[in-house]
Every structure is written in C-alpha cells, then in structure tokens.
Amino acid sequence: MAKPATPQAPSRQPPASRIPPPSRPRVDISSAAYKQAASRYTRVMIAMPILLVTSYYLFDRLALGHEAKTLHGAPNTDGMNKE
C-alpha cells in the first residue's frame, strides 16, 4: 500500500519589503553606444506608425482594389484662374 502524502509546511520567505531589488548595472548615458542605441530606438518609434499606415493604404488600394483618394477642388498652384 502507498503511504498517504503528508502536507508540507510552507517555506518561510522574508516579507516583500525586506527583499532587496535586483541590482542592475549602471548605464553611462554619455557613452557612444548608449547614444547610438537611443537614436536607433527613437527612429524606430517614429517610423513604425508611418510604415503601418502607409502599408495599410497601399494594401487597401492594391489588393482590395479601392480607388486612391483625390482632392476635389484643389486650388491652382500656378496662380492663374481657369475661367
């Protein structure tokens, strides 16, 4: 016959306030590697919405066959009135 499992006492852990936060290495924000990474991150964050919106409109026009939007009644840029 198998022995019945005995309940184990919960392990004692220190309260959350006593646990020190994990140490992270200090980052030198004046280093060339940091500036290069920050610049690359900024460029990606700026380019991503532009890329997503333009690719959506291109897909809408090319794959789904919708017409490209046009401006109606756009003003003349040559400065002459057509009458």
N, C-alpha and C. Protein backbone atom coordinates (compact mmCIF):
# COMPACT_ATOMS: atom_id res chain seq x y z
N MET A 1 0.82 -1.18 0.00
CA MET A 1 0.00 0.00 0.00
C MET A 1 0.87 1.25 0.00
N ALA A 2 0.35 2.29 -0.62
CA ALA A 2 1.09 3.55 -0.70
C ALA A 2 0.83 4.38 0.55
N LYS A 3 1.83 5.08 0.97
CA LYS A 3 1.68 5.95 2.13
C LYS A 3 0.93 7.21 1.72
N PRO A 4 0.03 7.68 2.55
CA PRO A 4 -0.64 8.93 2.21
C PRO A 4 0.36 10.09 2.25
N ALA A 5 0.16 11.02 1.33
CA ALA A 5 1.07 12.17 1.26
C ALA A 5 0.87 13.06 2.48
N THR A 6 1.97 13.47 3.06
CA THR A 6 1.88 14.36 4.22
C THR A 6 2.00 15.79 3.72
N PRO A 7 1.16 16.67 4.25
CA PRO A 7 1.26 18.06 3.79
C PRO A 7 2.58 18.68 4.25
N GLN A 8 3.19 19.45 3.36
CA GLN A 8 4.45 20.09 3.69
C GLN A 8 4.17 21.49 4.22
N ALA A 9 4.97 21.88 5.16
CA ALA A 9 4.83 23.23 5.71
C ALA A 9 5.32 24.22 4.66
N PRO A 10 4.63 25.35 4.50
CA PRO A 10 5.08 26.33 3.51
C PRO A 10 6.46 26.87 3.88
N SER A 11 7.28 27.08 2.86
CA SER A 11 8.62 27.59 3.14
C SER A 11 8.52 29.05 3.57
N ARG A 12 9.34 29.40 4.49
CA ARG A 12 9.30 30.77 5.00
C ARG A 12 10.13 31.68 4.10
N GLN A 13 9.51 32.72 3.62
CA GLN A 13 10.21 33.72 2.83
C GLN A 13 10.11 35.05 3.56
N PRO A 14 11.13 35.86 3.41
CA PRO A 14 11.05 37.17 4.07
C PRO A 14 9.94 38.00 3.42
N PRO A 15 9.36 38.92 4.15
CA PRO A 15 8.32 39.77 3.57
C PRO A 15 8.87 40.54 2.36
N ALA A 16 7.96 40.94 1.48
CA ALA A 16 8.37 41.59 0.24
C ALA A 16 9.14 42.88 0.50
N SER A 17 8.87 43.54 1.61
CA SER A 17 9.55 44.80 1.89
C SER A 17 11.02 44.59 2.27
N ARG A 18 11.37 43.41 2.67
CA ARG A 18 12.75 43.14 3.07
C ARG A 18 13.60 42.58 1.93
N ILE A 19 12.97 42.19 0.84
CA ILE A 19 13.72 41.65 -0.29
C ILE A 19 14.34 42.81 -1.05
N PRO A 20 15.66 42.83 -1.18
CA PRO A 20 16.29 43.94 -1.91
C PRO A 20 15.96 43.84 -3.40
N PRO A 21 15.82 44.97 -4.07
CA PRO A 21 15.55 44.91 -5.51
C PRO A 21 16.76 44.36 -6.25
N PRO A 22 16.54 43.72 -7.37
CA PRO A 22 17.68 43.17 -8.10
C PRO A 22 18.58 44.31 -8.59
N SER A 23 19.86 44.10 -8.46
CA SER A 23 20.79 45.17 -8.84
C SER A 23 20.98 45.15 -10.36
N ARG A 24 20.93 46.33 -10.95
CA ARG A 24 21.15 46.47 -12.38
C ARG A 24 22.47 47.22 -12.57
N PRO A 25 23.16 46.90 -13.64
CA PRO A 25 24.40 47.64 -13.87
C PRO A 25 24.08 49.09 -14.23
N ARG A 26 24.91 50.00 -13.80
CA ARG A 26 24.72 51.42 -14.09
C ARG A 26 24.92 51.65 -15.58
N VAL A 27 24.11 52.49 -16.17
CA VAL A 27 24.21 52.79 -17.58
C VAL A 27 24.82 54.17 -17.74
N ASP A 28 25.85 54.24 -18.55
CA ASP A 28 26.51 55.51 -18.82
C ASP A 28 25.82 56.15 -20.01
N ILE A 29 24.98 57.18 -19.73
CA ILE A 29 24.19 57.78 -20.81
C ILE A 29 25.01 58.71 -21.69
N SER A 30 26.26 58.93 -21.34
CA SER A 30 27.11 59.77 -22.19
C SER A 30 27.98 58.92 -23.12
N SER A 31 27.84 57.60 -23.07
CA SER A 31 28.67 56.75 -23.92
C SER A 31 28.15 56.75 -25.35
N ALA A 32 29.01 56.48 -26.29
CA ALA A 32 28.65 56.45 -27.71
C ALA A 32 27.68 55.31 -28.00
N ALA A 33 27.85 54.18 -27.35
CA ALA A 33 26.97 53.03 -27.59
C ALA A 33 25.55 53.33 -27.13
N TYR A 34 25.41 54.02 -25.99
CA TYR A 34 24.08 54.37 -25.49
C TYR A 34 23.41 55.37 -26.43
N LYS A 35 24.14 56.37 -26.87
CA LYS A 35 23.58 57.37 -27.78
C LYS A 35 23.16 56.74 -29.10
N GLN A 36 23.93 55.80 -29.60
CA GLN A 36 23.59 55.11 -30.84
C GLN A 36 22.33 54.27 -30.66
N ALA A 37 22.22 53.56 -29.55
CA ALA A 37 21.04 52.74 -29.28
C ALA A 37 19.80 53.62 -29.08
N ALA A 38 19.95 54.74 -28.39
CA ALA A 38 18.83 55.65 -28.17
C ALA A 38 18.36 56.26 -29.48
N SER A 39 19.28 56.60 -30.34
CA SER A 39 18.94 57.17 -31.64
C SER A 39 18.21 56.15 -32.50
N ARG A 40 18.69 54.93 -32.49
CA ARG A 40 18.04 53.86 -33.27
C ARG A 40 16.62 53.60 -32.74
N TYR A 41 16.46 53.57 -31.44
CA TYR A 41 15.14 53.36 -30.83
C TYR A 41 14.18 54.48 -31.20
N THR A 42 14.66 55.71 -31.15
CA THR A 42 13.82 56.86 -31.50
C THR A 42 13.39 56.79 -32.95
N ARG A 43 14.32 56.45 -33.85
CA ARG A 43 13.98 56.34 -35.27
C ARG A 43 12.93 55.26 -35.51
N VAL A 44 13.04 54.15 -34.82
CA VAL A 44 12.06 53.06 -34.99
C VAL A 44 10.69 53.50 -34.48
N MET A 45 10.65 54.19 -33.34
CA MET A 45 9.38 54.62 -32.78
C MET A 45 8.69 55.66 -33.65
N ILE A 46 9.45 56.47 -34.36
CA ILE A 46 8.86 57.47 -35.26
C ILE A 46 8.44 56.82 -36.57
N ALA A 47 9.23 55.90 -37.08
CA ALA A 47 8.96 55.30 -38.39
C ALA A 47 7.84 54.26 -38.36
N MET A 48 7.64 53.59 -37.25
CA MET A 48 6.68 52.49 -37.20
C MET A 48 5.25 52.92 -37.51
N PRO A 49 4.70 53.97 -36.92
CA PRO A 49 3.33 54.37 -37.28
C PRO A 49 3.20 54.78 -38.75
N ILE A 50 4.22 55.47 -39.27
CA ILE A 50 4.19 55.87 -40.68
C ILE A 50 4.17 54.64 -41.56
N LEU A 51 5.00 53.67 -41.26
CA LEU A 51 5.07 52.44 -42.04
C LEU A 51 3.75 51.68 -41.99
N LEU A 52 3.15 51.58 -40.80
CA LEU A 52 1.90 50.84 -40.67
C LEU A 52 0.76 51.50 -41.44
N VAL A 53 0.64 52.81 -41.35
CA VAL A 53 -0.45 53.50 -42.02
C VAL A 53 -0.28 53.45 -43.53
N THR A 54 0.91 53.73 -44.02
CA THR A 54 1.11 53.71 -45.47
C THR A 54 0.95 52.31 -46.04
N SER A 55 1.41 51.29 -45.34
CA SER A 55 1.24 49.93 -45.86
C SER A 55 -0.23 49.52 -45.85
N TYR A 56 -1.00 50.01 -44.87
CA TYR A 56 -2.43 49.72 -44.84
C TYR A 56 -3.11 50.32 -46.07
N TYR A 57 -2.81 51.59 -46.37
CA TYR A 57 -3.45 52.24 -47.52
C TYR A 57 -2.98 51.61 -48.83
N LEU A 58 -1.73 51.22 -48.93
CA LEU A 58 -1.27 50.54 -50.15
C LEU A 58 -1.96 49.20 -50.32
N PHE A 59 -2.09 48.44 -49.25
CA PHE A 59 -2.78 47.16 -49.32
C PHE A 59 -4.23 47.36 -49.73
N ASP A 60 -4.87 48.39 -49.17
CA ASP A 60 -6.26 48.68 -49.49
C ASP A 60 -6.42 48.99 -50.97
N ARG A 61 -5.48 49.73 -51.55
CA ARG A 61 -5.57 50.08 -52.96
C ARG A 61 -5.16 48.94 -53.87
N LEU A 62 -4.06 48.28 -53.56
CA LEU A 62 -3.53 47.27 -54.48
C LEU A 62 -4.23 45.92 -54.37
N ALA A 63 -4.44 45.42 -53.17
CA ALA A 63 -5.01 44.09 -53.01
C ALA A 63 -6.53 44.10 -53.04
N LEU A 64 -7.14 45.09 -52.42
CA LEU A 64 -8.60 45.12 -52.34
C LEU A 64 -9.24 45.90 -53.47
N GLY A 65 -8.44 46.65 -54.23
CA GLY A 65 -8.94 47.33 -55.41
C GLY A 65 -9.70 48.62 -55.18
N HIS A 66 -9.57 49.23 -54.02
CA HIS A 66 -10.24 50.51 -53.79
C HIS A 66 -9.49 51.62 -54.52
N GLU A 67 -10.23 52.67 -54.88
CA GLU A 67 -9.64 53.80 -55.59
C GLU A 67 -8.79 54.64 -54.64
N ALA A 68 -7.77 55.27 -55.21
CA ALA A 68 -6.96 56.19 -54.43
C ALA A 68 -7.76 57.45 -54.17
N LYS A 69 -7.61 58.03 -53.02
CA LYS A 69 -8.33 59.25 -52.69
C LYS A 69 -7.73 60.42 -53.45
N THR A 70 -8.60 61.33 -53.91
CA THR A 70 -8.13 62.52 -54.61
C THR A 70 -8.70 63.75 -53.93
N LEU A 71 -8.05 64.87 -54.13
CA LEU A 71 -8.53 66.13 -53.59
C LEU A 71 -9.43 66.77 -54.63
N HIS A 72 -10.65 67.08 -54.28
CA HIS A 72 -11.57 67.75 -55.18
C HIS A 72 -11.52 69.24 -54.91
N GLY A 73 -11.46 70.01 -55.97
CA GLY A 73 -11.45 71.46 -55.82
C GLY A 73 -10.16 71.97 -55.22
N ALA A 74 -9.06 71.31 -55.54
CA ALA A 74 -7.78 71.78 -55.03
C ALA A 74 -7.44 73.12 -55.67
N PRO A 75 -6.86 74.04 -54.95
CA PRO A 75 -6.54 75.35 -55.52
C PRO A 75 -5.43 75.24 -56.56
N ASN A 76 -5.45 76.17 -57.50
CA ASN A 76 -4.39 76.22 -58.50
C ASN A 76 -3.09 76.63 -57.86
N THR A 77 -2.02 76.00 -58.26
CA THR A 77 -0.74 76.35 -57.70
C THR A 77 0.04 77.29 -58.61
N ASP A 78 -0.42 77.47 -59.88
CA ASP A 78 0.31 78.34 -60.79
C ASP A 78 -0.12 79.80 -60.67
N GLY A 79 -1.15 80.10 -59.88
CA GLY A 79 -1.56 81.46 -59.63
C GLY A 79 -2.49 82.05 -60.67
N MET A 80 -2.87 81.28 -61.67
CA MET A 80 -3.77 81.78 -62.70
C MET A 80 -5.15 81.15 -62.52
N ASN A 81 -6.17 81.91 -62.76
CA ASN A 81 -7.54 81.41 -62.66
C ASN A 81 -7.97 80.77 -63.96
N LYS A 82 -8.61 79.61 -63.85
CA LYS A 82 -9.15 78.95 -65.05
C LYS A 82 -10.63 79.28 -65.10
N GLU A 83 -11.02 80.16 -66.02
CA GLU A 83 -12.43 80.52 -66.15
C GLU A 83 -12.84 80.48 -67.57
